[in-house]
């Protein structure tokens, strides 16, 4: 999408002039939801808040960013760069957030 000129992903603006696989200064939280057919559908953070509530949206984002930071740290120690990750979350019958994939 970026290579075709898109500069907004999940409601976040990204700058012009980025190179393929260039590291961002800060990781981006780019939530998606399952589509009925085809690929996952991008969501803005505001859409996530509306869907699951402000507190749970914050919790999911915090957990995703911590998982990314830990993965990036482990990769860095091995001379590798973690470019992209995807975490799937779910709630149990008590409303507790879990990483499910």
Protein backbone atom coordinates (compact mmCIF):
# COMPACT_ATOMS: atom_id res chain seq x y z
CA UNK A 1 0.00 0.00 0.00
CA UNK A 2 2.81 2.43 0.91
CA UNK A 3 4.50 1.81 -2.41
CA UNK A 4 1.24 2.77 -4.13
CA UNK A 5 1.13 6.11 -2.30
CA UNK A 6 -0.91 5.34 0.82
CA UNK A 7 0.42 7.25 3.81
CA UNK A 8 -2.27 6.48 6.38
CA UNK A 9 -2.48 3.05 7.99
CA UNK A 10 -4.97 2.27 10.71
CA UNK A 11 -5.46 5.99 11.20
CA UNK A 12 -1.72 6.65 11.60
CA UNK A 13 0.16 8.96 9.24
CA UNK A 14 3.55 7.78 8.00
CA UNK A 15 6.07 10.03 6.27
CA UNK A 16 7.05 10.10 2.63
CA UNK A 17 10.47 8.85 1.61
CA UNK A 18 10.63 5.62 3.59
CA UNK A 19 12.59 2.71 2.16
CA UNK A 20 11.22 -0.83 2.04
CA UNK A 21 11.79 -2.52 5.44
CA UNK A 22 13.04 0.72 7.00
CA UNK A 23 12.72 0.75 10.76
CA UNK A 24 10.31 3.29 12.21
CA UNK A 25 11.55 5.50 15.04
CA UNK A 26 8.79 4.01 17.20
CA UNK A 27 6.79 0.82 16.58
CA UNK A 28 3.30 1.31 15.15
CA UNK A 29 0.17 -0.29 16.58
CA UNK A 30 -1.90 -1.25 13.54
CA UNK A 31 -4.96 -3.22 14.64
CA UNK A 32 -7.06 -5.31 12.28
CA UNK A 33 -10.19 -7.39 12.49
CA UNK A 34 -11.20 -10.54 10.69
CA UNK A 35 -13.03 -9.90 7.44
CA UNK A 36 -15.99 -12.02 6.43
CA UNK A 37 -14.09 -12.82 3.21
CA UNK A 38 -10.52 -12.11 2.15
CA UNK A 39 -7.85 -10.30 4.10
CA UNK A 40 -8.04 -8.80 7.58
CA UNK A 41 -9.47 -5.29 7.69
CA UNK A 42 -7.45 -2.41 9.13
CA UNK A 43 -8.95 -0.52 12.06
CA UNK A 44 -8.16 2.78 13.71
CA UNK A 45 -7.47 2.84 17.42
CA UNK A 46 -10.75 4.74 17.89
CA UNK A 47 -12.60 1.88 16.18
CA UNK A 48 -10.93 -0.60 18.52
CA UNK A 49 -12.00 1.47 21.53
CA UNK A 50 -15.57 1.58 20.23
CA UNK A 51 -15.60 -2.18 19.64
CA UNK A 52 -14.05 -3.41 22.90
CA UNK A 53 -14.00 -0.37 25.19
CA UNK A 54 -11.30 2.12 26.09
CA UNK A 55 -9.75 0.09 28.92
CA UNK A 56 -9.53 -3.18 26.98
CA UNK A 57 -8.20 -1.37 23.89
CA UNK A 58 -5.45 0.18 25.99
CA UNK A 59 -4.64 -3.18 27.55
CA UNK A 60 -4.46 -4.93 24.15
CA UNK A 61 -2.22 -2.18 22.75
CA UNK A 62 0.04 -2.24 25.82
CA UNK A 63 0.41 -6.03 25.66
CA UNK A 64 1.08 -5.98 21.91
CA UNK A 65 3.75 -3.29 22.28
CA UNK A 66 5.43 -5.15 25.16
CA UNK A 67 5.44 -8.39 23.17
CA UNK A 68 6.96 -6.57 20.23
CA UNK A 69 9.62 -4.92 22.40
CA UNK A 70 10.60 -8.29 23.90
CA UNK A 71 10.72 -9.97 20.49
CA UNK A 72 12.77 -7.11 19.04
CA UNK A 73 15.20 -7.36 21.97
CA UNK A 74 15.66 -11.11 21.48
CA UNK A 75 16.17 -10.68 17.73
CA UNK A 76 18.63 -7.79 18.22
CA UNK A 77 20.79 -10.03 20.45
CA UNK A 78 21.03 -12.43 17.51
CA UNK A 79 21.85 -9.75 14.96
CA UNK A 80 18.37 -9.79 13.44
CA UNK A 81 15.67 -7.16 12.99
CA UNK A 82 12.04 -7.84 13.86
CA UNK A 83 10.18 -6.07 11.07
CA UNK A 84 6.57 -6.99 11.65
CA UNK A 85 4.47 -9.04 14.03
CA UNK A 86 0.86 -10.03 14.36
CA UNK A 87 -0.77 -11.00 17.63
CA UNK A 88 -4.29 -12.27 18.00
CA UNK A 89 -6.12 -11.61 21.24
CA UNK A 90 -9.26 -13.04 22.77
CA UNK A 91 -11.23 -12.76 25.98
CA UNK A 92 -12.12 -15.68 28.19
CA UNK A 93 -15.50 -16.14 29.87
CA UNK A 94 -14.35 -13.79 32.67
CA UNK A 95 -13.31 -11.01 30.30
CA UNK A 96 -9.58 -11.64 30.79
CA UNK A 97 -7.40 -10.81 27.79
CA UNK A 98 -5.28 -13.62 26.33
CA UNK A 99 -2.85 -13.87 23.42
CA UNK A 100 -4.43 -16.64 21.37
CA UNK A 101 -2.08 -16.76 18.36
